[in-house]
PDB file of N, CA and C in Angstrom:
ATOM      1  N   MET A   1       0.844  -1.179   0.000  1.00  0.00           N
ATOM      2  CA  MET A   1       0.000   0.000   0.000  1.00  0.00           C
ATOM      3  C   MET A   1       0.891   1.244   0.000  1.00  0.00           C
ATOM      4  N   GLU A   2       0.503   2.176  -0.834  1.00  0.00           N
ATOM      5  CA  GLU A   2       1.273   3.404  -0.994  1.00  0.00           C
ATOM      6  C   GLU A   2       0.522   4.579  -0.369  1.00  0.00           C
ATOM      7  N   THR A   3       1.263   5.412   0.383  1.00  0.00           N
ATOM      8  CA  THR A   3       0.661   6.627   0.924  1.00  0.00           C
ATOM      9  C   THR A   3       0.519   7.623  -0.214  1.00  0.00           C
ATOM     10  N   ILE A   4      -0.713   8.050  -0.461  1.00  0.00           N
ATOM     11  CA  ILE A   4      -0.988   8.973  -1.556  1.00  0.00           C
ATOM     12  C   ILE A   4      -1.235  10.387  -1.048  1.00  0.00           C
ATOM     13  N   TYR A   5      -1.624  10.519   0.242  1.00  0.00           N
ATOM     14  CA  TYR A   5      -1.939  11.849   0.773  1.00  0.00           C
ATOM     15  C   TYR A   5      -1.687  11.875   2.266  1.00  0.00           C
ATOM     16  N   GLU A   6      -1.019  12.926   2.738  1.00  0.00           N
ATOM     17  CA  GLU A   6      -0.834  13.142   4.174  1.00  0.00           C
ATOM     18  C   GLU A   6      -1.727  14.300   4.581  1.00  0.00           C
ATOM     19  N   ALA A   7      -2.727  13.994   5.373  1.00  0.00           N
ATOM     20  CA  ALA A   7      -3.747  14.975   5.745  1.00  0.00           C
ATOM     21  C   ALA A   7      -3.335  15.762   6.982  1.00  0.00           C
ATOM     22  N   ALA A   8      -3.990  16.909   7.172  1.00  0.00           N
ATOM     23  CA  ALA A   8      -3.735  17.742   8.349  1.00  0.00           C
ATOM     24  C   ALA A   8      -4.257  17.064   9.610  1.00  0.00           C
ATOM     25  N   ASP A   9      -5.360  16.342   9.494  1.00  0.00           N
ATOM     26  CA  ASP A   9      -5.933  15.630  10.640  1.00  0.00           C
ATOM     27  C   ASP A   9      -6.721  14.434  10.125  1.00  0.00           C
ATOM     28  N   ILE A  10      -7.226  13.647  11.056  1.00  0.00           N
ATOM     29  CA  ILE A  10      -7.893  12.405  10.691  1.00  0.00           C
ATOM     30  C   ILE A  10      -9.186  12.661   9.923  1.00  0.00           C
ATOM     31  N   LEU A  11      -9.860  13.760  10.226  1.00  0.00           N
ATOM     32  CA  LEU A  11     -11.099  14.098   9.526  1.00  0.00           C
ATOM     33  C   LEU A  11     -10.827  14.359   8.048  1.00  0.00           C
ATOM     34  N   GLU A  12      -9.792  15.136   7.758  1.00  0.00           N
ATOM     35  CA  GLU A  12      -9.463  15.414   6.363  1.00  0.00           C
ATOM     36  C   GLU A  12      -9.048  14.139   5.645  1.00  0.00           C
ATOM     37  N   ALA A  13      -8.345  13.257   6.332  1.00  0.00           N
ATOM     38  CA  ALA A  13      -7.948  11.986   5.719  1.00  0.00           C
ATOM     39  C   ALA A  13      -9.175  11.182   5.306  1.00  0.00           C
ATOM     40  N   HIS A  14     -10.192  11.170   6.159  1.00  0.00           N
ATOM     41  CA  HIS A  14     -11.424  10.448   5.822  1.00  0.00           C
ATOM     42  C   HIS A  14     -12.164  11.120   4.665  1.00  0.00           C
ATOM     43  N   ILE A  15     -12.117  12.438   4.599  1.00  0.00           N
ATOM     44  CA  ILE A  15     -12.762  13.149   3.492  1.00  0.00           C
ATOM     45  C   ILE A  15     -12.099  12.775   2.174  1.00  0.00           C
ATOM     46  N   VAL A  16     -10.766  12.794   2.146  1.00  0.00           N
ATOM     47  CA  VAL A  16     -10.033  12.473   0.916  1.00  0.00           C
ATOM     48  C   VAL A  16     -10.237  11.004   0.542  1.00  0.00           C
ATOM     49  N   ALA A  17     -10.163  10.109   1.517  1.00  0.00           N
ATOM     50  CA  ALA A  17     -10.375   8.683   1.227  1.00  0.00           C
ATOM     51  C   ALA A  17     -11.791   8.449   0.703  1.00  0.00           C
ATOM     52  N   GLY A  18     -12.776   9.121   1.288  1.00  0.00           N
ATOM     53  CA  GLY A  18     -14.149   8.992   0.809  1.00  0.00           C
ATOM     54  C   GLY A  18     -14.314   9.506  -0.604  1.00  0.00           C
ATOM     55  N   MET A  19     -13.639  10.619  -0.903  1.00  0.00           N
ATOM     56  CA  MET A  19     -13.695  11.181  -2.251  1.00  0.00           C
ATOM     57  C   MET A  19     -13.105  10.192  -3.262  1.00  0.00           C
ATOM     58  N   LEU A  20     -11.971   9.592  -2.906  1.00  0.00           N
ATOM     59  CA  LEU A  20     -11.351   8.616  -3.811  1.00  0.00           C
ATOM     60  C   LEU A  20     -12.226   7.381  -3.959  1.00  0.00           C
ATOM     61  N   ASN A  21     -12.782   6.890  -2.872  1.00  0.00           N
ATOM     62  CA  ASN A  21     -13.657   5.714  -2.940  1.00  0.00           C
ATOM     63  C   ASN A  21     -14.884   5.986  -3.791  1.00  0.00           C
ATOM     64  N   ALA A  22     -15.415   7.212  -3.718  1.00  0.00           N
ATOM     65  CA  ALA A  22     -16.585   7.573  -4.530  1.00  0.00           C
ATOM     66  C   ALA A  22     -16.265   7.553  -6.015  1.00  0.00           C
ATOM     67  N   GLU A  23     -14.997   7.736  -6.357  1.00  0.00           N
ATOM     68  CA  GLU A  23     -14.566   7.706  -7.761  1.00  0.00           C
ATOM     69  C   GLU A  23     -14.100   6.313  -8.186  1.00  0.00           C
ATOM     70  N   GLY A  24     -14.309   5.315  -7.328  1.00  0.00           N
ATOM     71  CA  GLY A  24     -13.952   3.944  -7.667  1.00  0.00           C
ATOM     72  C   GLY A  24     -12.499   3.599  -7.383  1.00  0.00           C
ATOM     73  N   ILE A  25     -11.807   4.426  -6.635  1.00  0.00           N
ATOM     74  CA  ILE A  25     -10.409   4.176  -6.277  1.00  0.00           C
ATOM     75  C   ILE A  25     -10.389   3.680  -4.840  1.00  0.00           C
ATOM     76  N   GLU A  26      -9.873   2.469  -4.644  1.00  0.00           N
ATOM     77  CA  GLU A  26      -9.853   1.901  -3.302  1.00  0.00           C
ATOM     78  C   GLU A  26      -8.755   2.566  -2.473  1.00  0.00           C
ATOM     79  N   ALA A  27      -9.177   3.241  -1.396  1.00  0.00           N
ATOM     80  CA  ALA A  27      -8.249   3.946  -0.508  1.00  0.00           C
ATOM     81  C   ALA A  27      -8.679   3.738   0.929  1.00  0.00           C
ATOM     82  N   GLU A  28      -7.705   3.788   1.837  1.00  0.00           N
ATOM     83  CA  GLU A  28      -7.962   3.628   3.262  1.00  0.00           C
ATOM     84  C   GLU A  28      -7.251   4.722   4.040  1.00  0.00           C
ATOM     85  N   VAL A  29      -7.716   4.955   5.254  1.00  0.00           N
ATOM     86  CA  VAL A  29      -7.054   5.879   6.160  1.00  0.00           C
ATOM     87  C   VAL A  29      -6.117   5.068   7.046  1.00  0.00           C
ATOM     88  N   ALA A  30      -4.863   5.474   7.091  1.00  0.00           N
ATOM     89  CA  ALA A  30      -3.876   4.791   7.935  1.00  0.00           C
ATOM     90  C   ALA A  30      -3.459   5.724   9.055  1.00  0.00           C
ATOM     91  N   GLY A  31      -3.040   5.148  10.165  1.00  0.00           N
ATOM     92  CA  GLY A  31      -2.575   5.943  11.291  1.00  0.00           C
ATOM     93  C   GLY A  31      -3.685   6.443  12.175  1.00  0.00           C
ATOM     94  N   TYR A  32      -4.874   5.880  12.028  1.00  0.00           N
ATOM     95  CA  TYR A  32      -6.039   6.354  12.769  1.00  0.00           C
ATOM     96  C   TYR A  32      -5.829   6.268  14.285  1.00  0.00           C
ATOM     97  N   TYR A  33      -5.353   5.152  14.761  1.00  0.00           N
ATOM     98  CA  TYR A  33      -5.216   4.955  16.201  1.00  0.00           C
ATOM     99  C   TYR A  33      -3.930   5.562  16.755  1.00  0.00           C
ATOM    100  N   GLN A  34      -2.965   5.835  15.928  1.00  0.00           N
ATOM    101  CA  GLN A  34      -1.717   6.437  16.403  1.00  0.00           C
ATOM    102  C   GLN A  34      -1.952   7.851  16.913  1.00  0.00           C
ATOM    103  N   GLN A  35      -2.909   8.555  16.331  1.00  0.00           N
ATOM    104  CA  GLN A  35      -3.148   9.937  16.706  1.00  0.00           C
ATOM    105  C   GLN A  35      -3.565  10.047  18.167  1.00  0.00           C
ATOM    106  N   GLY A  36      -4.328   9.103  18.678  1.00  0.00           N
ATOM    107  CA  GLY A  36      -4.777   9.159  20.063  1.00  0.00           C
ATOM    108  C   GLY A  36      -3.684   8.870  21.065  1.00  0.00           C
ATOM    109  N   GLY A  37      -2.615   8.248  20.635  1.00  0.00           N
ATOM    110  CA  GLY A  37      -1.535   7.889  21.540  1.00  0.00           C
ATOM    111  C   GLY A  37      -0.616   9.033  21.899  1.00  0.00           C
ATOM    112  N   VAL A  38      -0.719  10.159  21.223  1.00  0.00           N
ATOM    113  CA  VAL A  38       0.215  11.248  21.488  1.00  0.00           C
ATOM    114  C   VAL A  38      -0.278  12.190  22.573  1.00  0.00           C
ATOM    115  N   GLY A  39      -1.517  12.059  22.995  1.00  0.00           N
ATOM    116  CA  GLY A  39      -2.033  12.902  24.070  1.00  0.00           C
ATOM    117  C   GLY A  39      -2.113  14.355  23.683  1.00  0.00           C
ATOM    118  N   GLU A  40      -1.472  15.221  24.452  1.00  0.00           N
ATOM    119  CA  GLU A  40      -1.529  16.660  24.231  1.00  0.00           C
ATOM    120  C   GLU A  40      -0.544  17.147  23.169  1.00  0.00           C
ATOM    121  N   LEU A  41       0.324  16.295  22.698  1.00  0.00           N
ATOM    122  CA  LEU A  41       1.288  16.699  21.675  1.00  0.00           C
ATOM    123  C   LEU A  41       0.580  16.937  20.353  1.00  0.00           C
ATOM    124  N   ALA A  42       1.142  17.797  19.552  1.00  0.00           N
ATOM    125  CA  ALA A  42       0.556  18.069  18.236  1.00  0.00           C
ATOM    126  C   ALA A  42       0.779  16.866  17.331  1.00  0.00           C
ATOM    127  N   PRO A  43      -0.291  16.273  16.838  1.00  0.00           N
ATOM    128  CA  PRO A  43      -0.129  15.101  15.972  1.00  0.00           C
ATOM    129  C   PRO A  43       0.423  15.492  14.606  1.00  0.00           C
ATOM    130  N   ARG A  44       1.388  14.741  14.141  1.00  0.00           N
ATOM    131  CA  ARG A  44       1.980  14.994  12.835  1.00  0.00           C
ATOM    132  C   ARG A  44       2.161  13.666  12.103  1.00  0.00           C
ATOM    133  N   ASP A  45       1.840  13.677  10.850  1.00  0.00           N
ATOM    134  CA  ASP A  45       2.066  12.524   9.970  1.00  0.00           C
ATOM    135  C   ASP A  45       1.331  11.260  10.416  1.00  0.00           C
ATOM    136  N   PHE A  46       0.230  11.429  11.139  1.00  0.00           N
ATOM    137  CA  PHE A  46      -0.522  10.255  11.554  1.00  0.00           C
ATOM    138  C   PHE A  46      -1.667   9.964  10.598  1.00  0.00           C
ATOM    139  N   ALA A  47      -2.267  10.991  10.050  1.00  0.00           N
ATOM    140  CA  ALA A  47      -3.431  10.822   9.187  1.00  0.00           C
ATOM    141  C   ALA A  47      -2.961  10.728   7.738  1.00  0.00           C
ATOM    142  N   ARG A  48      -2.948   9.516   7.234  1.00  0.00           N
ATOM    143  CA  ARG A  48      -2.502   9.278   5.859  1.00  0.00           C
ATOM    144  C   ARG A  48      -3.575   8.523   5.095  1.00  0.00           C
ATOM    145  N   VAL A  49      -3.624   8.794   3.799  1.00  0.00           N
ATOM    146  CA  VAL A  49      -4.521   8.056   2.913  1.00  0.00           C
ATOM    147  C   VAL A  49      -3.639   7.155   2.062  1.00  0.00           C
ATOM    148  N   THR A  50      -3.955   5.873   2.058  1.00  0.00           N
ATOM    149  CA  THR A  50      -3.164   4.914   1.288  1.00  0.00           C
ATOM    150  C   THR A  50      -4.018   4.295   0.186  1.00  0.00           C
ATOM    151  N   LEU A  51      -3.363   3.982  -0.917  1.00  0.00           N
ATOM    152  CA  LEU A  51      -4.019   3.312  -2.048  1.00  0.00           C
ATOM    153  C   LEU A  51      -3.868   1.809  -1.902  1.00  0.00           C
ATOM    154  N   LEU A  52      -4.913   1.081  -2.207  1.00  0.00           N
ATOM    155  CA  LEU A  52      -4.834  -0.370  -2.168  1.00  0.00           C
ATOM    156  C   LEU A  52      -4.328  -0.930  -3.494  1.00  0.00           C
ATOM    157  N   ASP A  53      -4.586  -0.211  -4.584  1.00  0.00           N
ATOM    158  CA  ASP A  53      -4.145  -0.640  -5.907  1.00  0.00           C
ATOM    159  C   ASP A  53      -3.303   0.469  -6.529  1.00  0.00           C
ATOM    160  N   GLU A  54      -2.035   0.210  -6.718  1.00  0.00           N
ATOM    161  CA  GLU A  54      -1.112   1.235  -7.225  1.00  0.00           C
ATOM    162  C   GLU A  54      -1.413   1.657  -8.661  1.00  0.00           C
ATOM    163  N   ARG A  55      -2.225   0.888  -9.372  1.00  0.00           N
ATOM    164  CA  ARG A  55      -2.578   1.271 -10.739  1.00  0.00           C
ATOM    165  C   ARG A  55      -3.465   2.514 -10.775  1.00  0.00           C
ATOM    166  N   ASP A  56      -4.075   2.849  -9.637  1.00  0.00           N
ATOM    167  CA  ASP A  56      -4.932   4.039  -9.551  1.00  0.00           C
ATOM    168  C   ASP A  56      -4.166   5.301  -9.153  1.00  0.00           C
ATOM    169  N   ARG A  57      -2.849   5.215  -9.065  1.00  0.00           N
ATOM    170  CA  ARG A  57      -2.028   6.304  -8.546  1.00  0.00           C
ATOM    171  C   ARG A  57      -2.246   7.631  -9.278  1.00  0.00           C
ATOM    172  N   GLU A  58      -2.166   7.635 -10.592  1.00  0.00           N
ATOM    173  CA  GLU A  58      -2.260   8.894 -11.354  1.00  0.00           C
ATOM    174  C   GLU A  58      -3.652   9.512 -11.257  1.00  0.00           C
ATOM    175  N   ARG A  59      -4.675   8.681 -11.344  1.00  0.00           N
ATOM    176  CA  ARG A  59      -6.040   9.199 -11.208  1.00  0.00           C
ATOM    177  C   ARG A  59      -6.275   9.778  -9.817  1.00  0.00           C
ATOM    178  N   ALA A  60      -5.744   9.093  -8.800  1.00  0.00           N
ATOM    179  CA  ALA A  60      -5.891   9.572  -7.424  1.00  0.00           C
ATOM    180  C   ALA A  60      -5.162  10.896  -7.235  1.00  0.00           C
ATOM    181  N   ARG A  61      -3.964  11.008  -7.758  1.00  0.00           N
ATOM    182  CA  ARG A  61      -3.206  12.264  -7.634  1.00  0.00           C
ATOM    183  C   ARG A  61      -3.930  13.420  -8.320  1.00  0.00           C
ATOM    184  N   ALA A  62      -4.542  13.153  -9.466  1.00  0.00           N
ATOM    185  CA  ALA A  62      -5.278  14.205 -10.173  1.00  0.00           C
ATOM    186  C   ALA A  62      -6.477  14.667  -9.340  1.00  0.00           C
ATOM    187  N   LEU A  63      -7.202  13.731  -8.742  1.00  0.00           N
ATOM    188  CA  LEU A  63      -8.340  14.089  -7.899  1.00  0.00           C
ATOM    189  C   LEU A  63      -7.890  14.873  -6.661  1.00  0.00           C
ATOM    190  N   ILE A  64      -6.777  14.471  -6.075  1.00  0.00           N
ATOM    191  CA  ILE A  64      -6.260  15.158  -4.894  1.00  0.00           C
ATOM    192  C   ILE A  64      -5.797  16.568  -5.250  1.00  0.00           C
ATOM    193  N   ARG A  65      -5.183  16.733  -6.413  1.00  0.00           N
ATOM    194  CA  ARG A  65      -4.788  18.083  -6.855  1.00  0.00           C
ATOM    195  C   ARG A  65      -6.011  18.982  -6.987  1.00  0.00           C
ATOM    196  N   THR A  66      -7.084  18.450  -7.559  1.00  0.00           N
ATOM    197  CA  THR A  66      -8.327  19.214  -7.689  1.00  0.00           C
ATOM    198  C   THR A  66      -8.882  19.570  -6.317  1.00  0.00           C
ATOM    199  N   TYR A  67      -8.853  18.622  -5.391  1.00  0.00           N
ATOM    200  CA  TYR A  67      -9.323  18.861  -4.022  1.00  0.00           C
ATOM    201  C   TYR A  67      -8.492  19.968  -3.357  1.00  0.00           C
ATOM    202  N   GLU A  68      -7.171  19.906  -3.499  1.00  0.00           N
ATOM    203  CA  GLU A  68      -6.309  20.907  -2.873  1.00  0.00           C
ATOM    204  C   GLU A  68      -6.507  22.292  -3.487  1.00  0.00           C
ATOM    205  N   GLN A  69      -6.772  22.356  -4.783  1.00  0.00           N
ATOM    206  CA  GLN A  69      -7.018  23.648  -5.427  1.00  0.00           C
ATOM    207  C   GLN A  69      -8.317  24.256  -4.915  1.00  0.00           C
ATOM    208  N   LYS A  70      -9.349  23.449  -4.766  1.00  0.00           N
ATOM    209  CA  LYS A  70     -10.621  23.943  -4.241  1.00  0.00           C
ATOM    210  C   LYS A  70     -10.462  24.394  -2.797  1.00  0.00           C
ATOM    211  N   ASP A  71      -9.689  23.653  -2.021  1.00  0.00           N
ATOM    212  CA  ASP A  71      -9.457  24.002  -0.623  1.00  0.00           C
ATOM    213  C   ASP A  71      -8.694  25.322  -0.519  1.00  0.00           C
ATOM    214  N   ALA A  72      -7.716  25.536  -1.384  1.00  0.00           N
ATOM    215  CA  ALA A  72      -6.956  26.786  -1.370  1.00  0.00           C
ATOM    216  C   ALA A  72      -7.832  27.960  -1.775  1.00  0.00           C
ATOM    217  N   THR A  73      -8.731  27.765  -2.720  1.00  0.00           N
ATOM    218  CA  THR A  73      -9.651  28.820  -3.137  1.00  0.00           C
ATOM    219  C   THR A  73     -10.583  29.193  -1.994  1.00  0.00           C
ATOM    220  N   ASP A  74     -11.065  28.195  -1.256  1.00  0.00           N
ATOM    221  CA  ASP A  74     -11.944  28.456  -0.115  1.00  0.00           C
ATOM    222  C   ASP A  74     -11.220  29.226   0.972  1.00  0.00           C
ATOM    223  N   ASP A  75      -9.959  28.894   1.235  1.00  0.00           N
ATOM    224  CA  ASP A  75      -9.182  29.571   2.275  1.00  0.00           C
ATOM    225  C   ASP A  75      -8.892  31.020   1.924  1.00  0.00           C
ATOM    226  N   GLU A  76      -8.789  31.332   0.638  1.00  0.00           N
ATOM    227  CA  GLU A  76      -8.469  32.687   0.209  1.00  0.00           C
ATOM    228  C   GLU A  76      -9.686  33.583   0.144  1.00  0.00           C
ATOM    229  N   GLY A  77     -10.834  33.056   0.487  1.00  0.00           N
ATOM    230  CA  GLY A  77     -12.055  33.855   0.450  1.00  0.00           C
ATOM    231  C   GLY A  77     -12.626  33.967  -0.943  1.00  0.00           C
ATOM    232  N   GLY A  78     -12.251  33.050  -1.801  1.00  0.00           N
ATOM    233  CA  GLY A  78     -12.745  33.059  -3.169  1.00  0.00           C
ATOM    234  C   GLY A  78     -14.145  32.501  -3.235  1.00  0.00           C
ATOM    235  N   PRO A  79     -14.601  32.208  -4.436  1.00  0.00           N
ATOM    236  CA  PRO A  79     -15.960  31.703  -4.584  1.00  0.00           C
ATOM    237  C   PRO A  79     -16.095  30.329  -3.943  1.00  0.00           C
ATOM    238  N   THR A  80     -17.052  30.201  -3.053  1.00  0.00           N
ATOM    239  CA  THR A  80     -17.261  28.928  -2.369  1.00  0.00           C
ATOM    240  C   THR A  80     -18.679  28.426  -2.528  1.00  0.00           C
ATOM    241  N   GLY A  81     -19.470  29.043  -3.362  1.00  0.00           N
ATOM    242  CA  GLY A  81     -20.856  28.611  -3.516  1.00  0.00           C
ATOM    243  C   GLY A  81     -21.741  29.412  -2.601  1.00  0.00           C
ATOM    244  N   ASP A  82     -22.811  28.775  -2.123  1.00  0.00           N
ATOM    245  CA  ASP A  82     -23.753  29.471  -1.249  1.00  0.00           C
ATOM    246  C   ASP A  82     -23.141  29.729   0.115  1.00  0.00           C
ATOM    247  N   ALA A  83     -23.537  30.824   0.714  1.00  0.00           N
ATOM    248  CA  ALA A  83     -23.101  31.122   2.073  1.00  0.00           C
ATOM    249  C   ALA A  83     -23.753  30.116   3.013  1.00  0.00           C
ATOM    250  N   PRO A  84     -23.052  29.692   4.076  1.00  0.00           N
ATOM    251  CA  PRO A  84     -23.592  28.663   4.946  1.00  0.00           C
ATOM    252  C   PRO A  84     -24.879  29.058   5.644  1.00  0.00           C
ATOM    253  N   ASP A  85     -25.087  30.355   5.906  1.00  0.00           N
ATOM    254  CA  ASP A  85     -26.299  30.754   6.607  1.00  0.00           C
ATOM    255  C   ASP A  85     -27.432  31.068   5.648  1.00  0.00           C
ATOM    256  N   GLY A  86     -27.219  30.878   4.353  1.00  0.00           N
ATOM    257  CA  GLY A  86     -28.256  31.106   3.372  1.00  0.00           C
ATOM    258  C   GLY A  86     -28.306  32.538   2.895  1.00  0.00           C
ATOM    259  N   ALA A  87     -27.550  33.437   3.478  1.00  0.00           N
ATOM    260  CA  ALA A  87     -27.548  34.837   3.044  1.00  0.00           C
ATOM    261  C   ALA A  87     -26.713  34.946   1.783  1.00  0.00           C
ATOM    262  N   GLY A  88     -27.189  35.752   0.848  1.00  0.00           N
ATOM    263  CA  GLY A  88     -26.485  35.880  -0.411  1.00  0.00           C
ATOM    264  C   GLY A  88     -25.330  36.844  -0.360  1.00  0.00           C
ATOM    265  N   ALA A  89     -25.444  37.911   0.401  1.00  0.00           N
ATOM    266  CA  ALA A  89     -24.396  38.922   0.433  1.00  0.00           C
ATOM    267  C   ALA A  89     -24.201  39.395   1.856  1.00  0.00           C
ATOM    268  N   ASP A  90     -23.084  40.101   2.088  1.00  0.00           N
ATOM    269  CA  ASP A  90     -22.800  40.605   3.425  1.00  0.00           C
ATOM    270  C   ASP A  90     -23.866  41.578   3.897  1.00  0.00           C
ATOM    271  N   GLY A  91     -24.417  42.379   3.000  1.00  0.00           N
ATOM    272  CA  GLY A  91     -25.456  43.337   3.364  1.00  0.00           C
ATOM    273  C   GLY A  91     -26.695  42.659   3.918  1.00  0.00           C
ATOM    274  N   GLU A  92     -27.069  41.532   3.325  1.00  0.00           N
ATOM    275  CA  GLU A  92     -28.231  40.791   3.811  1.00  0.00           C
ATOM    276  C   GLU A  92     -27.973  40.219   5.194  1.00  0.00           C
ATOM    277  N   SER A  93     -26.773  39.729   5.440  1.00  0.00           N
ATOM    278  CA  SER A  93     -26.418  39.195   6.755  1.00  0.00           C
ATOM    279  C   SER A  93     -26.465  40.290   7.803  1.00  0.00           C
ATOM    280  N   THR A  94     -25.979  41.459   7.460  1.00  0.00           N
ATOM    281  CA  THR A  94     -25.977  42.581   8.396  1.00  0.00           C
ATOM    282  C   THR A  94     -27.400  42.997   8.733  1.00  0.00           C
ATOM    283  N   ARG A  95     -28.252  43.074   7.719  1.00  0.00           N
ATOM    284  CA  ARG A  95     -29.651  43.440   7.966  1.00  0.00           C
ATOM    285  C   ARG A  95     -30.358  42.411   8.828  1.00  0.00           C
ATOM    286  N   LEU A  96     -30.095  41.142   8.581  1.00  0.00           N
ATOM    287  CA  LEU A  96     -30.715  40.087   9.379  1.00  0.00           C
ATOM    288  C   LEU A  96     -30.251  40.182  10.830  1.00  0.00           C
ATOM    289  N   GLY A  97     -28.965  40.399  11.033  1.00  0.00           N
ATOM    290  CA  GLY A  97     -28.440  40.539  12.390  1.00  0.00           C
ATOM    291  C   GLY A  97     -29.048  41.729  13.110  1.00  0.00           C
ATOM    292  N   LEU A  98     -29.186  42.834  12.410  1.00  0.00           N
ATOM    293  CA  LEU A  98     -29.792  44.036  13.002  1.00  0.00           C
ATOM    294  C   LEU A  98     -31.261  43.789  13.358  1.00  0.00           C
ATOM    295  N   LEU A  99     -31.970  43.112  12.475  1.00  0.00           N
ATOM    296  CA  LEU A  99     -33.375  42.799  12.731  1.00  0.00           C
ATOM    297  C   LEU A  99     -33.520  41.896  13.957  1.00  0.00           C
ATOM    298  N   LEU A 100     -32.661  40.904  14.080  1.00  0.00           N
ATOM    299  CA  LEU A 100     -32.702  40.021  15.246  1.00  0.00           C
ATOM    300  C   LEU A 100     -32.376  40.774  16.530  1.00  0.00           C
ATOM    301  N   LEU A 101     -31.428  41.694  16.475  1.00  0.00           N
ATOM    302  CA  LEU A 101     -31.078  42.501  17.647  1.00  0.00           C
ATOM    303  C   LEU A 101     -32.253  43.366  18.088  1.00  0.00           C
ATOM    304  N   VAL A 102     -32.906  44.034  17.140  1.00  0.00           N
ATOM    305  CA  VAL A 102     -34.062  44.879  17.463  1.00  0.00           C
ATOM    306  C   VAL A 102     -35.176  44.020  18.054  1.00  0.00           C
ATOM    307  N   GLY A 103     -35.403  42.856  17.484  1.00  0.00           N
ATOM    308  CA  GLY A 103     -36.431  41.955  18.012  1.00  0.00           C
ATOM    309  C   GLY A 103     -36.123  41.527  19.438  1.00  0.00           C
ATOM    310  N   ALA A 104     -34.873  41.232  19.733  1.00  0.00           N
ATOM    311  CA  ALA A 104     -34.486  40.831  21.081  1.00  0.00           C
ATOM    312  C   ALA A 104     -34.687  41.974  22.064  1.00  0.00           C
ATOM    313  N   ILE A 105     -34.364  43.187  21.655  1.00  0.00           N
ATOM    314  CA  ILE A 105     -34.551  44.354  22.532  1.00  0.00           C
ATOM    315  C   ILE A 105     -36.040  44.572  22.812  1.00  0.00           C
ATOM    316  N   VAL A 106     -36.879  44.461  21.790  1.00  0.00           N
ATOM    317  CA  VAL A 106     -38.324  44.631  21.978  1.00  0.00           C
ATOM    318  C   VAL A 106     -38.849  43.573  22.939  1.00  0.00           C
ATOM    319  N   LEU A 107     -38.452  42.318  22.771  1.00  0.00           N
ATOM    320  CA  LEU A 107     -38.896  41.259  23.681  1.00  0.00           C
ATOM    321  C   LEU A 107     -38.446  41.521  25.113  1.00  0.00           C
ATOM    322  N   LEU A 108     -37.234  42.015  25.276  1.00  0.00           N
ATOM    323  CA  LEU A 108     -36.722  42.330  26.596  1.00  0.00           C
ATOM    324  C   LEU A 108     -37.550  43.443  27.250  1.00  0.00           C
ATOM    325  N   LEU A 109     -37.863  44.491  26.481  1.00  0.00           N
ATOM    326  CA  LEU A 109     -38.655  45.593  27.023  1.00  0.00           C
ATOM    327  C   LEU A 109     -40.078  45.153  27.362  1.00  0.00           C
ATOM    328  N   VAL A 110     -40.663  44.262  26.556  1.00  0.00           N
ATOM    329  CA  VAL A 110     -41.997  43.759  26.841  1.00  0.00           C
ATOM    330  C   VAL A 110     -41.971  42.908  28.112  1.00  0.00           C
ATOM    331  N   SER A 111     -40.950  42.091  28.284  1.00  0.00           N
ATOM    332  CA  SER A 111     -40.874  41.255  29.477  1.00  0.00           C
ATOM    333  C   SER A 111     -40.665  42.068  30.739  1.00  0.00           C
ATOM    334  N   TRP A 112     -40.062  43.255  30.646  1.00  0.00           N
ATOM    335  CA  TRP A 112     -39.869  44.139  31.789  1.00  0.00           C
ATOM    336  C   TRP A 112     -41.108  44.997  32.048  1.00  0.00           C
ATOM    337  N   GLY A 113     -42.042  44.969  31.139  1.00  0.00           N
ATOM    338  CA  GLY A 113     -43.250  45.753  31.304  1.00  0.00           C
ATOM    339  C   GLY A 113     -43.123  47.178  30.825  1.00  0.00           C
ATOM    340  N   VAL A 114     -42.058  47.516  30.144  1.00  0.00           N
ATOM    341  CA  VAL A 114     -41.859  48.862  29.627  1.00  0.00           C
ATOM    342  C   VAL A 114     -42.792  49.109  28.440  1.00  0.00           C
ATOM    343  N   LEU A 115     -42.909  48.101  27.573  1.00  0.00           N
ATOM    344  CA  LEU A 115     -43.815  48.181  26.415  1.00  0.00           C
ATOM    345  C   LEU A 115     -45.009  47.267  26.667  1.00  0.00           C
ATOM    346  N   VAL A 116     -46.173  47.748  26.324  1.00  0.00           N
ATOM    347  CA  VAL A 116     -47.383  46.923  26.535  1.00  0.00           C
ATOM    348  C   VAL A 116     -48.032  46.589  25.231  1.00  0.00           C
TER     349      VAL A 116
END
């Protein structure tokens, strides 16, 4: 078995292995239990993705390159698709936050008996 990807953590290793498996490339996560043995130390080189069939090496590397490019675009604040909270733009998020704040203040004043 060949290590095809060294992940930042065990979660990312499972994401990459799942992505490869979804494309018909047999891959496993290695080093899963080693990470727990280090305790408070920063884990390094424990989360690895290994290929079961070396004939899939080039296809797997191409998929991983695509994954890393998308991840770098997301980190740079580039286009990532829909916003997680469903708001389309920053202005809409700000308005929603302001509306929720005003609503909370009104509820607080009603509960104190200031507003009837």
